Amino acid sequence: MKQSPPFESSDLAAPVVEAGEIELSDADILEAMAEIPGYLDISTADFRDLYHLAYRHGLERLFRGISARRLMRADIQPLAPDMRLVEAIPHFVRQGLKALPVADAEGRVTGILSETDVLRALGAETFLALLARLMAEPGLITPNGCQRSVRDLMTSPAVTVPETADFRRMMGAFGRHPGRAMPVVSADGRLVGLLLRKQFLHACHLAAPAPP
């Protein structure tokens, strides 16, 4: 079982510089002030503070109403910790997902298993690498070779967000782990859905534009 990096509640505090925000240098500020006619009775430190506050308020206005509950995919069938890999793989295929939360019998999230975890368990870093091995060794994968448990392969504890999480909290959580998805939980830690990174970026208009 892999361990997630430490994720304390204090990590969710808003940073001085928000995601996507540019940290201004004194030279930037002085050049900008020089372009404004008249005398500005403001220091570079005050100008920088004003910029950060205005940026934060702008983000709150732009993304007001965005929550994990609104963006999550709710129809998720989680994996069980004692499930074998041979049983878990079809769950990814049926649900069309590359990461699935792992939950106990009471629905509390205990970890997350990703496509990357599955590939590594099968001796490959990528799907193409696995395909190349299968072409060279057709009998490489057998039911007996997929008997490792989900508990042994999953990342635990999983980085989760509450269903009430707003834009800043979701952005901060995604910024602290490289996964494509993140379980959404109720106040008592029970699974209520899965937040997909691509869906979050698309909803926030942060996804890369489509090529012409």
N, C-alpha and C. Protein backbone atom coordinates (compact mmCIF):
# COMPACT_ATOMS: atom_id res chain seq x y z
N MET A 1 0.84 -1.19 0.00
CA MET A 1 0.00 0.00 0.00
C MET A 1 0.87 1.24 0.00
N LYS A 2 0.63 2.14 -0.94
CA LYS A 2 1.39 3.37 -1.02
C LYS A 2 0.81 4.40 -0.06
N GLN A 3 1.67 5.26 0.44
CA GLN A 3 1.23 6.31 1.35
C GLN A 3 1.11 7.61 0.60
N SER A 4 0.03 8.34 0.85
CA SER A 4 -0.12 9.67 0.28
C SER A 4 0.78 10.64 1.01
N PRO A 5 1.20 11.73 0.35
CA PRO A 5 1.98 12.75 1.05
C PRO A 5 1.12 13.37 2.13
N PRO A 6 1.74 13.87 3.22
CA PRO A 6 0.97 14.48 4.30
C PRO A 6 0.07 15.57 3.76
N PHE A 7 -1.17 15.61 4.25
CA PHE A 7 -2.14 16.60 3.77
C PHE A 7 -2.91 17.12 4.98
N GLU A 8 -2.41 18.16 5.58
CA GLU A 8 -3.01 18.69 6.79
C GLU A 8 -4.09 19.70 6.45
N SER A 9 -5.00 19.89 7.39
CA SER A 9 -6.07 20.87 7.18
C SER A 9 -5.50 22.27 6.98
N SER A 10 -4.34 22.55 7.60
CA SER A 10 -3.73 23.86 7.44
C SER A 10 -3.26 24.10 6.02
N ASP A 11 -3.10 23.01 5.23
CA ASP A 11 -2.67 23.17 3.84
C ASP A 11 -3.75 23.85 3.01
N LEU A 12 -4.99 23.88 3.52
CA LEU A 12 -6.10 24.41 2.76
C LEU A 12 -6.24 25.92 2.92
N ALA A 13 -5.45 26.52 3.77
CA ALA A 13 -5.51 27.96 3.94
C ALA A 13 -5.09 28.64 2.65
N ALA A 14 -5.74 29.76 2.33
CA ALA A 14 -5.44 30.45 1.07
C ALA A 14 -4.01 30.98 1.09
N PRO A 15 -3.24 30.67 0.06
CA PRO A 15 -1.87 31.18 0.01
C PRO A 15 -1.85 32.66 -0.32
N VAL A 16 -0.70 33.28 -0.10
CA VAL A 16 -0.57 34.69 -0.44
C VAL A 16 -0.74 34.89 -1.93
N VAL A 17 -0.17 33.98 -2.72
CA VAL A 17 -0.31 34.05 -4.17
C VAL A 17 -1.22 32.92 -4.61
N GLU A 18 -2.34 33.24 -5.23
CA GLU A 18 -3.30 32.25 -5.67
C GLU A 18 -2.80 31.53 -6.92
N ALA A 19 -3.42 30.38 -7.21
CA ALA A 19 -3.09 29.63 -8.41
C ALA A 19 -3.33 30.50 -9.64
N GLY A 20 -2.35 30.57 -10.49
CA GLY A 20 -2.48 31.35 -11.72
C GLY A 20 -2.09 32.81 -11.55
N GLU A 21 -1.95 33.26 -10.33
CA GLU A 21 -1.60 34.65 -10.06
C GLU A 21 -0.11 34.86 -10.26
N ILE A 22 0.26 36.03 -10.76
CA ILE A 22 1.66 36.37 -10.98
C ILE A 22 2.16 37.20 -9.81
N GLU A 23 3.29 36.80 -9.24
CA GLU A 23 3.88 37.58 -8.15
C GLU A 23 4.60 38.78 -8.76
N LEU A 24 4.20 39.97 -8.37
CA LEU A 24 4.76 41.19 -8.94
C LEU A 24 6.05 41.57 -8.23
N SER A 25 7.00 42.02 -9.00
CA SER A 25 8.24 42.54 -8.42
C SER A 25 8.09 44.04 -8.22
N ASP A 26 8.99 44.63 -7.43
CA ASP A 26 8.96 46.08 -7.23
C ASP A 26 9.13 46.81 -8.56
N ALA A 27 9.97 46.26 -9.43
CA ALA A 27 10.20 46.90 -10.73
C ALA A 27 8.91 46.91 -11.55
N ASP A 28 8.17 45.81 -11.52
CA ASP A 28 6.89 45.75 -12.24
C ASP A 28 5.95 46.84 -11.74
N ILE A 29 5.86 46.96 -10.42
CA ILE A 29 4.93 47.92 -9.81
C ILE A 29 5.34 49.35 -10.14
N LEU A 30 6.62 49.65 -10.01
CA LEU A 30 7.08 51.01 -10.29
C LEU A 30 6.86 51.39 -11.75
N GLU A 31 7.08 50.47 -12.66
CA GLU A 31 6.84 50.76 -14.08
C GLU A 31 5.36 51.00 -14.35
N ALA A 32 4.50 50.23 -13.69
CA ALA A 32 3.06 50.42 -13.87
C ALA A 32 2.63 51.77 -13.30
N MET A 33 3.14 52.12 -12.13
CA MET A 33 2.77 53.39 -11.51
C MET A 33 3.24 54.57 -12.35
N ALA A 34 4.37 54.39 -13.02
CA ALA A 34 4.90 55.48 -13.84
C ALA A 34 4.01 55.77 -15.05
N GLU A 35 3.23 54.80 -15.46
CA GLU A 35 2.35 54.98 -16.61
C GLU A 35 1.03 55.66 -16.24
N ILE A 36 0.76 55.80 -14.96
CA ILE A 36 -0.48 56.44 -14.52
C ILE A 36 -0.21 57.92 -14.28
N PRO A 37 -0.95 58.82 -14.97
CA PRO A 37 -0.73 60.27 -14.79
C PRO A 37 -1.00 60.70 -13.34
N GLY A 38 -0.25 61.65 -12.88
CA GLY A 38 -0.45 62.18 -11.55
C GLY A 38 0.37 61.44 -10.51
N TYR A 39 0.19 61.87 -9.26
CA TYR A 39 0.98 61.33 -8.15
C TYR A 39 0.18 60.26 -7.42
N LEU A 40 0.79 59.11 -7.19
CA LEU A 40 0.15 58.03 -6.46
C LEU A 40 0.79 57.92 -5.09
N ASP A 41 0.01 58.16 -4.05
CA ASP A 41 0.53 58.09 -2.69
C ASP A 41 0.33 56.67 -2.15
N ILE A 42 1.14 55.74 -2.68
CA ILE A 42 1.01 54.33 -2.31
C ILE A 42 2.37 53.67 -2.46
N SER A 43 2.73 52.84 -1.53
CA SER A 43 4.02 52.15 -1.60
C SER A 43 3.89 50.90 -2.47
N THR A 44 5.03 50.37 -2.87
CA THR A 44 4.99 49.14 -3.66
C THR A 44 4.39 47.99 -2.86
N ALA A 45 4.62 47.97 -1.55
CA ALA A 45 4.06 46.91 -0.70
C ALA A 45 2.53 47.03 -0.66
N ASP A 46 2.01 48.27 -0.52
CA ASP A 46 0.57 48.46 -0.50
C ASP A 46 -0.04 48.10 -1.84
N PHE A 47 0.64 48.46 -2.93
CA PHE A 47 0.16 48.13 -4.27
C PHE A 47 0.08 46.61 -4.44
N ARG A 48 1.11 45.92 -3.96
CA ARG A 48 1.13 44.45 -4.08
C ARG A 48 0.00 43.82 -3.27
N ASP A 49 -0.23 44.31 -2.05
CA ASP A 49 -1.32 43.80 -1.23
C ASP A 49 -2.66 44.03 -1.90
N LEU A 50 -2.84 45.21 -2.47
CA LEU A 50 -4.08 45.52 -3.15
C LEU A 50 -4.31 44.60 -4.34
N TYR A 51 -3.25 44.34 -5.07
CA TYR A 51 -3.34 43.44 -6.23
C TYR A 51 -3.76 42.03 -5.81
N HIS A 52 -3.12 41.50 -4.76
CA HIS A 52 -3.46 40.15 -4.30
C HIS A 52 -4.91 40.07 -3.82
N LEU A 53 -5.35 41.10 -3.07
CA LEU A 53 -6.72 41.10 -2.58
C LEU A 53 -7.71 41.21 -3.73
N ALA A 54 -7.43 42.06 -4.70
CA ALA A 54 -8.33 42.22 -5.85
C ALA A 54 -8.40 40.93 -6.66
N TYR A 55 -7.26 40.27 -6.80
CA TYR A 55 -7.24 39.00 -7.55
C TYR A 55 -8.08 37.95 -6.83
N ARG A 56 -7.94 37.89 -5.51
CA ARG A 56 -8.68 36.90 -4.73
C ARG A 56 -10.19 37.15 -4.81
N HIS A 57 -10.58 38.41 -4.69
CA HIS A 57 -12.01 38.73 -4.80
C HIS A 57 -12.54 38.44 -6.20
N GLY A 58 -11.69 38.68 -7.20
CA GLY A 58 -12.10 38.37 -8.57
C GLY A 58 -12.34 36.88 -8.77
N LEU A 59 -11.45 36.05 -8.20
CA LEU A 59 -11.63 34.61 -8.29
C LEU A 59 -12.91 34.17 -7.59
N GLU A 60 -13.16 34.72 -6.41
CA GLU A 60 -14.36 34.35 -5.67
C GLU A 60 -15.62 34.71 -6.44
N ARG A 61 -15.61 35.86 -7.10
CA ARG A 61 -16.77 36.26 -7.90
C ARG A 61 -16.93 35.36 -9.12
N LEU A 62 -15.80 35.05 -9.78
CA LEU A 62 -15.84 34.26 -11.00
C LEU A 62 -16.29 32.83 -10.74
N PHE A 63 -15.83 32.25 -9.62
CA PHE A 63 -16.11 30.84 -9.36
C PHE A 63 -17.12 30.63 -8.23
N ARG A 64 -17.85 31.69 -7.88
CA ARG A 64 -18.88 31.56 -6.85
C ARG A 64 -19.93 30.54 -7.28
N GLY A 65 -20.28 29.65 -6.41
CA GLY A 65 -21.29 28.64 -6.74
C GLY A 65 -20.69 27.33 -7.21
N ILE A 66 -19.39 27.30 -7.52
CA ILE A 66 -18.76 26.05 -7.91
C ILE A 66 -18.42 25.25 -6.66
N SER A 67 -18.91 24.03 -6.60
CA SER A 67 -18.63 23.17 -5.44
C SER A 67 -18.34 21.77 -5.92
N ALA A 68 -17.73 20.98 -5.05
CA ALA A 68 -17.41 19.59 -5.40
C ALA A 68 -18.68 18.81 -5.70
N ARG A 69 -19.76 19.06 -4.95
CA ARG A 69 -21.01 18.34 -5.18
C ARG A 69 -21.56 18.60 -6.58
N ARG A 70 -21.44 19.83 -7.05
CA ARG A 70 -21.97 20.18 -8.37
C ARG A 70 -21.14 19.58 -9.49
N LEU A 71 -19.84 19.39 -9.27
CA LEU A 71 -18.95 18.94 -10.34
C LEU A 71 -18.68 17.44 -10.32
N MET A 72 -18.91 16.80 -9.18
CA MET A 72 -18.52 15.40 -9.04
C MET A 72 -19.39 14.47 -9.88
N ARG A 73 -18.84 13.30 -10.13
CA ARG A 73 -19.60 12.20 -10.72
C ARG A 73 -20.10 11.34 -9.56
N ALA A 74 -21.43 11.22 -9.45
CA ALA A 74 -22.01 10.58 -8.28
C ALA A 74 -22.20 9.08 -8.43
N ASP A 75 -22.34 8.60 -9.64
CA ASP A 75 -22.66 7.18 -9.86
C ASP A 75 -21.41 6.31 -9.84
N ILE A 76 -20.72 6.33 -8.70
CA ILE A 76 -19.44 5.62 -8.58
C ILE A 76 -19.62 4.34 -7.77
N GLN A 77 -19.10 3.26 -8.31
CA GLN A 77 -19.05 2.00 -7.58
C GLN A 77 -17.61 1.81 -7.11
N PRO A 78 -17.34 2.00 -5.82
CA PRO A 78 -15.97 1.91 -5.33
C PRO A 78 -15.47 0.47 -5.28
N LEU A 79 -14.17 0.36 -5.13
CA LEU A 79 -13.56 -0.95 -4.93
C LEU A 79 -13.54 -1.26 -3.44
N ALA A 80 -13.52 -2.55 -3.12
CA ALA A 80 -13.39 -2.98 -1.73
C ALA A 80 -11.92 -3.29 -1.44
N PRO A 81 -11.44 -3.02 -0.24
CA PRO A 81 -10.02 -3.24 0.08
C PRO A 81 -9.56 -4.67 -0.16
N ASP A 82 -10.43 -5.65 0.10
CA ASP A 82 -10.04 -7.06 -0.04
C ASP A 82 -10.25 -7.62 -1.44
N MET A 83 -10.75 -6.79 -2.35
CA MET A 83 -10.96 -7.23 -3.73
C MET A 83 -9.63 -7.55 -4.39
N ARG A 84 -9.58 -8.59 -5.19
CA ARG A 84 -8.38 -8.95 -5.93
C ARG A 84 -8.28 -8.13 -7.21
N LEU A 85 -7.06 -7.96 -7.68
CA LEU A 85 -6.84 -7.16 -8.88
C LEU A 85 -7.63 -7.69 -10.07
N VAL A 86 -7.74 -9.00 -10.20
CA VAL A 86 -8.47 -9.59 -11.30
C VAL A 86 -9.95 -9.22 -11.24
N GLU A 87 -10.46 -8.93 -10.04
CA GLU A 87 -11.85 -8.49 -9.89
C GLU A 87 -11.98 -6.98 -10.07
N ALA A 88 -10.94 -6.26 -9.71
CA ALA A 88 -10.99 -4.80 -9.74
C ALA A 88 -10.90 -4.23 -11.15
N ILE A 89 -10.09 -4.84 -12.00
CA ILE A 89 -9.88 -4.29 -13.35
C ILE A 89 -11.18 -4.11 -14.12
N PRO A 90 -12.12 -5.07 -14.12
CA PRO A 90 -13.37 -4.85 -14.85
C PRO A 90 -14.17 -3.65 -14.35
N HIS A 91 -14.00 -3.27 -13.08
CA HIS A 91 -14.71 -2.10 -12.55
C HIS A 91 -14.25 -0.82 -13.25
N PHE A 92 -12.95 -0.72 -13.55
CA PHE A 92 -12.44 0.43 -14.28
C PHE A 92 -13.06 0.49 -15.67
N VAL A 93 -13.13 -0.66 -16.33
CA VAL A 93 -13.64 -0.72 -17.70
C VAL A 93 -15.12 -0.35 -17.74
N ARG A 94 -15.90 -0.94 -16.85
CA ARG A 94 -17.35 -0.70 -16.86
C ARG A 94 -17.70 0.76 -16.57
N GLN A 95 -16.91 1.40 -15.71
CA GLN A 95 -17.23 2.77 -15.33
C GLN A 95 -16.48 3.81 -16.17
N GLY A 96 -15.60 3.34 -17.05
CA GLY A 96 -14.88 4.26 -17.92
C GLY A 96 -13.99 5.22 -17.18
N LEU A 97 -13.36 4.75 -16.10
CA LEU A 97 -12.52 5.60 -15.27
C LEU A 97 -11.11 5.05 -15.16
N LYS A 98 -10.16 5.93 -14.85
CA LYS A 98 -8.77 5.53 -14.69
C LYS A 98 -8.31 5.59 -13.24
N ALA A 99 -9.24 5.88 -12.36
CA ALA A 99 -8.97 5.86 -10.92
C ALA A 99 -10.29 5.60 -10.21
N LEU A 100 -10.23 4.78 -9.17
CA LEU A 100 -11.43 4.47 -8.41
C LEU A 100 -11.13 4.54 -6.92
N PRO A 101 -12.06 5.10 -6.14
CA PRO A 101 -11.87 5.12 -4.70
C PRO A 101 -12.05 3.72 -4.12
N VAL A 102 -11.40 3.51 -3.00
CA VAL A 102 -11.54 2.25 -2.26
C VAL A 102 -12.28 2.58 -0.98
N ALA A 103 -13.36 1.86 -0.70
CA ALA A 103 -14.18 2.15 0.47
C ALA A 103 -14.45 0.89 1.27
N ASP A 104 -14.59 1.05 2.59
CA ASP A 104 -14.89 -0.09 3.44
C ASP A 104 -16.38 -0.42 3.37
N ALA A 105 -16.81 -1.37 4.19
CA ALA A 105 -18.20 -1.83 4.14
C ALA A 105 -19.19 -0.74 4.53
N GLU A 106 -18.74 0.28 5.26
CA GLU A 106 -19.61 1.37 5.67
C GLU A 106 -19.54 2.56 4.72
N GLY A 107 -18.79 2.41 3.63
CA GLY A 107 -18.71 3.47 2.63
C GLY A 107 -17.68 4.53 2.91
N ARG A 108 -16.83 4.33 3.92
CA ARG A 108 -15.79 5.32 4.21
C ARG A 108 -14.57 5.07 3.33
N VAL A 109 -14.05 6.13 2.78
CA VAL A 109 -12.92 6.03 1.85
C VAL A 109 -11.66 5.65 2.61
N THR A 110 -10.99 4.60 2.12
CA THR A 110 -9.75 4.14 2.74
C THR A 110 -8.55 4.33 1.82
N GLY A 111 -8.78 4.61 0.55
CA GLY A 111 -7.68 4.79 -0.39
C GLY A 111 -8.20 5.02 -1.79
N ILE A 112 -7.29 5.02 -2.75
CA ILE A 112 -7.66 5.16 -4.15
C ILE A 112 -6.71 4.30 -4.98
N LEU A 113 -7.24 3.66 -6.01
CA LEU A 113 -6.44 2.83 -6.91
C LEU A 113 -6.54 3.41 -8.30
N SER A 114 -5.39 3.59 -8.95
CA SER A 114 -5.37 4.20 -10.28
C SER A 114 -4.90 3.21 -11.34
N GLU A 115 -5.11 3.59 -12.58
CA GLU A 115 -4.64 2.78 -13.70
C GLU A 115 -3.12 2.59 -13.61
N THR A 116 -2.42 3.62 -13.20
CA THR A 116 -0.96 3.52 -13.05
C THR A 116 -0.58 2.47 -12.03
N ASP A 117 -1.33 2.39 -10.92
CA ASP A 117 -1.07 1.37 -9.91
C ASP A 117 -1.25 -0.03 -10.49
N VAL A 118 -2.30 -0.19 -11.29
CA VAL A 118 -2.59 -1.50 -11.90
C VAL A 118 -1.48 -1.89 -12.86
N LEU A 119 -1.05 -0.94 -13.70
CA LEU A 119 0.01 -1.23 -14.66
C LEU A 119 1.31 -1.63 -13.96
N ARG A 120 1.63 -0.93 -12.90
CA ARG A 120 2.86 -1.26 -12.18
C ARG A 120 2.77 -2.64 -11.55
N ALA A 121 1.59 -3.00 -11.09
CA ALA A 121 1.40 -4.34 -10.52
C ALA A 121 1.60 -5.42 -11.57
N LEU A 122 1.35 -5.06 -12.83
CA LEU A 122 1.52 -6.00 -13.93
C LEU A 122 2.90 -5.89 -14.57
N GLY A 123 3.77 -5.07 -13.99
CA GLY A 123 5.15 -4.98 -14.46
C GLY A 123 5.40 -4.00 -15.56
N ALA A 124 4.57 -2.95 -15.67
CA ALA A 124 4.75 -1.95 -16.73
C ALA A 124 4.45 -0.56 -16.18
N GLU A 125 5.07 0.45 -16.79
CA GLU A 125 4.84 1.83 -16.38
C GLU A 125 3.73 2.48 -17.18
N THR A 126 3.52 2.02 -18.43
CA THR A 126 2.48 2.58 -19.29
C THR A 126 1.73 1.46 -19.99
N PHE A 127 0.59 1.80 -20.59
CA PHE A 127 -0.18 0.81 -21.32
C PHE A 127 0.60 0.26 -22.51
N LEU A 128 1.31 1.14 -23.23
CA LEU A 128 2.08 0.69 -24.38
C LEU A 128 3.21 -0.24 -23.96
N ALA A 129 3.80 0.05 -22.80
CA ALA A 129 4.86 -0.84 -22.30
C ALA A 129 4.29 -2.21 -21.98
N LEU A 130 3.09 -2.23 -21.41
CA LEU A 130 2.44 -3.51 -21.12
C LEU A 130 2.09 -4.24 -22.41
N LEU A 131 1.61 -3.50 -23.40
CA LEU A 131 1.27 -4.11 -24.68
C LEU A 131 2.50 -4.72 -25.34
N ALA A 132 3.62 -4.01 -25.25
CA ALA A 132 4.87 -4.53 -25.83
C ALA A 132 5.28 -5.83 -25.16
N ARG A 133 5.13 -5.90 -23.84
CA ARG A 133 5.48 -7.12 -23.12
C ARG A 133 4.54 -8.27 -23.49
N LEU A 134 3.27 -7.94 -23.66
CA LEU A 134 2.30 -8.98 -24.02
C LEU A 134 2.56 -9.53 -25.42
N MET A 135 3.01 -8.66 -26.32
CA MET A 135 3.34 -9.12 -27.67
C MET A 135 4.55 -10.04 -27.65
N ALA A 136 5.48 -9.75 -26.73
CA ALA A 136 6.67 -10.59 -26.63
C ALA A 136 6.41 -11.84 -25.80
N GLU A 137 5.51 -11.71 -24.82
CA GLU A 137 5.19 -12.85 -23.94
C GLU A 137 3.67 -12.98 -23.85
N PRO A 138 3.02 -13.63 -24.80
CA PRO A 138 1.55 -13.71 -24.83
C PRO A 138 0.93 -14.26 -23.55
N GLY A 139 1.63 -15.12 -22.84
CA GLY A 139 1.07 -15.70 -21.62
C GLY A 139 1.48 -14.96 -20.36
N LEU A 140 1.89 -13.70 -20.51
CA LEU A 140 2.42 -12.94 -19.38
C LEU A 140 1.39 -12.78 -18.26
N ILE A 141 0.15 -12.42 -18.63
CA ILE A 141 -0.88 -12.16 -17.64
C ILE A 141 -1.80 -13.37 -17.51
N THR A 142 -1.91 -13.88 -16.32
CA THR A 142 -2.79 -15.01 -16.03
C THR A 142 -3.64 -14.65 -14.82
N PRO A 143 -4.80 -15.29 -14.64
CA PRO A 143 -5.63 -15.00 -13.45
C PRO A 143 -4.85 -15.13 -12.15
N ASN A 144 -3.96 -16.11 -12.08
CA ASN A 144 -3.17 -16.30 -10.86
C ASN A 144 -2.20 -15.15 -10.63
N GLY A 145 -1.83 -14.46 -11.72
CA GLY A 145 -0.89 -13.36 -11.61
C GLY A 145 -1.55 -12.07 -11.17
N CYS A 146 -2.87 -12.07 -11.03
CA CYS A 146 -3.60 -10.86 -10.66
C CYS A 146 -4.33 -11.04 -9.33
N GLN A 147 -3.72 -11.78 -8.43
CA GLN A 147 -4.37 -12.09 -7.16
C GLN A 147 -4.01 -11.13 -6.03
N ARG A 148 -3.17 -10.15 -6.31
CA ARG A 148 -2.84 -9.19 -5.27
C ARG A 148 -4.08 -8.39 -4.90
N SER A 149 -4.18 -8.01 -3.65
CA SER A 149 -5.38 -7.30 -3.20
C SER A 149 -5.29 -5.81 -3.49
N VAL A 150 -6.44 -5.19 -3.60
CA VAL A 150 -6.53 -3.75 -3.79
C VAL A 150 -5.85 -3.04 -2.63
N ARG A 151 -6.00 -3.56 -1.44
CA ARG A 151 -5.40 -2.96 -0.25
C ARG A 151 -3.88 -2.83 -0.39
N ASP A 152 -3.25 -3.83 -1.02
CA ASP A 152 -1.79 -3.81 -1.17
C ASP A 152 -1.32 -2.81 -2.21
N LEU A 153 -2.19 -2.46 -3.16
CA LEU A 153 -1.77 -1.63 -4.29
C LEU A 153 -2.25 -0.18 -4.21
N MET A 154 -3.27 0.07 -3.44
CA MET A 154 -3.88 1.40 -3.41
C MET A 154 -2.98 2.42 -2.71
N THR A 155 -3.25 3.69 -2.98
CA THR A 155 -2.62 4.79 -2.25
C THR A 155 -3.50 5.14 -1.07
N SER A 156 -2.91 5.18 0.12
CA SER A 156 -3.70 5.45 1.32
C SER A 156 -2.86 6.26 2.31
N PRO A 157 -3.48 7.24 2.96
CA PRO A 157 -4.86 7.67 2.79
C PRO A 157 -5.03 8.46 1.49
N ALA A 158 -6.22 8.41 0.92
CA ALA A 158 -6.48 9.15 -0.31
C ALA A 158 -6.68 10.63 0.01
N VAL A 159 -6.25 11.49 -0.89
CA VAL A 159 -6.55 12.91 -0.77
C VAL A 159 -8.01 13.09 -1.17
N THR A 160 -8.82 13.59 -0.28
CA THR A 160 -10.25 13.76 -0.54
C THR A 160 -10.65 15.22 -0.33
N VAL A 161 -11.83 15.56 -0.81
CA VAL A 161 -12.41 16.88 -0.53
C VAL A 161 -13.84 16.68 -0.06
N PRO A 162 -14.33 17.54 0.83
CA PRO A 162 -15.73 17.44 1.24
C PRO A 162 -16.65 17.88 0.11
N GLU A 163 -17.88 17.44 0.13
CA GLU A 163 -18.81 17.78 -0.94
C GLU A 163 -19.09 19.27 -1.00
N THR A 164 -18.82 20.00 0.09
CA THR A 164 -19.04 21.45 0.11
C THR A 164 -17.82 22.24 -0.35
N ALA A 165 -16.73 21.55 -0.74
CA ALA A 165 -15.49 22.24 -1.12
C ALA A 165 -15.72 23.23 -2.24
N ASP A 166 -15.15 24.44 -2.09
CA ASP A 166 -15.28 25.46 -3.12
C ASP A 166 -14.09 25.40 -4.07
N PHE A 167 -14.03 26.36 -4.99
CA PHE A 167 -12.98 26.37 -6.01
C PHE A 167 -11.59 26.35 -5.40
N ARG A 168 -11.36 27.23 -4.40
CA ARG A 168 -10.02 27.34 -3.83
C ARG A 168 -9.58 26.03 -3.17
N ARG A 169 -10.52 25.40 -2.47
CA ARG A 169 -10.16 24.17 -1.77
C ARG A 169 -9.91 23.03 -2.76
N MET A 170 -10.71 22.95 -3.81
CA MET A 170 -10.49 21.91 -4.83
C MET A 170 -9.17 22.16 -5.56
N MET A 171 -8.90 23.40 -5.89
CA MET A 171 -7.66 23.74 -6.60
C MET A 171 -6.45 23.40 -5.74
N GLY A 172 -6.52 23.71 -4.44
CA GLY A 172 -5.42 23.41 -3.55
C GLY A 172 -5.18 21.91 -3.42
N ALA A 173 -6.27 21.14 -3.35
CA ALA A 173 -6.14 19.68 -3.22
C ALA A 173 -5.55 19.07 -4.48
N PHE A 174 -6.03 19.49 -5.64
CA PHE A 174 -5.49 18.96 -6.89
C PHE A 174 -4.03 19.36 -7.07
N GLY A 175 -3.66 20.52 -6.54
CA GLY A 175 -2.28 20.96 -6.67
C GLY A 175 -1.31 20.18 -5.81
N ARG A 176 -1.83 19.38 -4.88
CA ARG A 176 -0.97 18.65 -3.97
C ARG A 176 -0.87 17.17 -4.29
N HIS A 177 -1.47 16.73 -5.37
CA HIS A 177 -1.27 15.34 -5.79
C HIS A 177 -1.48 15.23 -7.30
N PRO A 178 -0.80 14.31 -7.95
CA PRO A 178 -0.80 14.26 -9.41
C PRO A 178 -1.94 13.46 -10.02
N GLY A 179 -2.83 12.92 -9.21
CA GLY A 179 -3.87 12.04 -9.72
C GLY A 179 -4.90 12.73 -10.61
N ARG A 180 -5.60 11.90 -11.38
CA ARG A 180 -6.62 12.42 -12.29
C ARG A 180 -7.97 12.59 -11.62
N ALA A 181 -8.14 12.00 -10.44
CA ALA A 181 -9.43 12.04 -9.77
C ALA A 181 -9.25 12.09 -8.26
N MET A 182 -10.31 12.54 -7.59
CA MET A 182 -10.24 12.70 -6.14
C MET A 182 -11.60 12.37 -5.54
N PRO A 183 -11.65 11.47 -4.55
CA PRO A 183 -12.93 11.14 -3.93
C PRO A 183 -13.54 12.35 -3.23
N VAL A 184 -14.85 12.45 -3.32
CA VAL A 184 -15.61 13.48 -2.62
C VAL A 184 -16.35 12.79 -1.48
N VAL A 185 -16.25 13.33 -0.29
CA VAL A 185 -16.80 12.65 0.88
C VAL A 185 -17.78 13.54 1.64
N SER A 186 -18.64 12.88 2.41
CA SER A 186 -19.56 13.58 3.30
C SER A 186 -18.81 13.99 4.56
N ALA A 187 -19.51 14.63 5.48
CA ALA A 187 -18.88 15.12 6.70
C ALA A 187 -18.30 13.99 7.54
N ASP A 188 -18.87 12.79 7.43
CA ASP A 188 -18.36 11.66 8.22
C ASP A 188 -17.45 10.75 7.41
N GLY A 189 -16.94 11.24 6.26
CA GLY A 189 -15.95 10.51 5.50
C GLY A 189 -16.49 9.45 4.56
N ARG A 190 -17.80 9.43 4.33
CA ARG A 190 -18.37 8.44 3.42
C ARG A 190 -18.33 8.94 1.98
N LEU A 191 -18.09 8.03 1.07
CA LEU A 191 -17.98 8.39 -0.34
C LEU A 191 -19.32 8.87 -0.89
N VAL A 192 -19.31 10.02 -1.57
CA VAL A 192 -20.52 10.51 -2.24
C VAL A 192 -20.30 10.71 -3.73
N GLY A 193 -19.03 10.70 -4.18
CA GLY A 193 -18.77 10.87 -5.60
C GLY A 193 -17.29 10.94 -5.90
N LEU A 194 -16.98 11.21 -7.16
CA LEU A 194 -15.59 11.30 -7.61
C LEU A 194 -15.43 12.56 -8.44
N LEU A 195 -14.46 13.39 -8.08
CA LEU A 195 -14.18 14.62 -8.81
C LEU A 195 -13.06 14.36 -9.80
N LEU A 196 -13.35 14.52 -11.09
CA LEU A 196 -12.36 14.31 -12.13
C LEU A 196 -11.62 15.60 -12.42
N ARG A 197 -10.29 15.50 -12.51
CA ARG A 197 -9.48 16.70 -12.75
C ARG A 197 -9.91 17.41 -14.04
N LYS A 198 -10.12 16.66 -15.12
CA LYS A 198 -10.46 17.28 -16.39
C LYS A 198 -11.81 17.98 -16.33
N GLN A 199 -12.75 17.41 -15.57
CA GLN A 199 -14.06 18.03 -15.44
C GLN A 199 -13.97 19.31 -14.62
N PHE A 200 -13.13 19.29 -13.59
CA PHE A 200 -12.92 20.48 -12.76
C PHE A 200 -12.30 21.60 -13.59
N LEU A 201 -11.26 21.29 -14.36
CA LEU A 201 -10.60 22.31 -15.17
C LEU A 201 -11.54 22.86 -16.24
N HIS A 202 -12.33 21.99 -16.83
CA HIS A 202 -13.27 22.44 -17.86
C HIS A 202 -14.32 23.37 -17.26
N ALA A 203 -14.86 23.02 -16.09
CA ALA A 203 -15.89 23.84 -15.45
C ALA A 203 -15.35 25.21 -15.07
N CYS A 204 -14.06 25.27 -14.72
CA CYS A 204 -13.43 26.52 -14.31
C CYS A 204 -12.78 27.25 -15.48
N HIS A 205 -13.00 26.73 -16.70
CA HIS A 205 -12.42 27.34 -17.91
C HIS A 205 -10.91 27.41 -17.82
N LEU A 206 -10.31 26.39 -17.20
CA LEU A 206 -8.85 26.35 -17.05
C LEU A 206 -8.20 25.31 -17.97
N ALA A 207 -9.02 24.57 -18.72
CA ALA A 207 -8.47 23.57 -19.61
C ALA A 207 -7.81 24.24 -20.81
N ALA A 208 -6.82 23.56 -21.38
CA ALA A 208 -6.15 24.12 -22.56
C ALA A 208 -7.13 24.21 -23.73
N PRO A 209 -7.07 25.27 -24.52
CA PRO A 209 -7.99 25.40 -25.65
C PRO A 209 -7.76 24.31 -26.69
N ALA A 210 -8.84 23.94 -27.35
CA ALA A 210 -8.73 22.91 -28.39
C ALA A 210 -7.92 23.44 -29.54
N PRO A 211 -7.10 22.59 -30.20
CA PRO A 211 -6.31 23.05 -31.34
C PRO A 211 -7.22 23.46 -32.49
N PRO A 212 -6.80 24.42 -33.32
CA PRO A 212 -7.64 24.86 -34.43
C PRO A 212 -7.80 23.75 -35.46
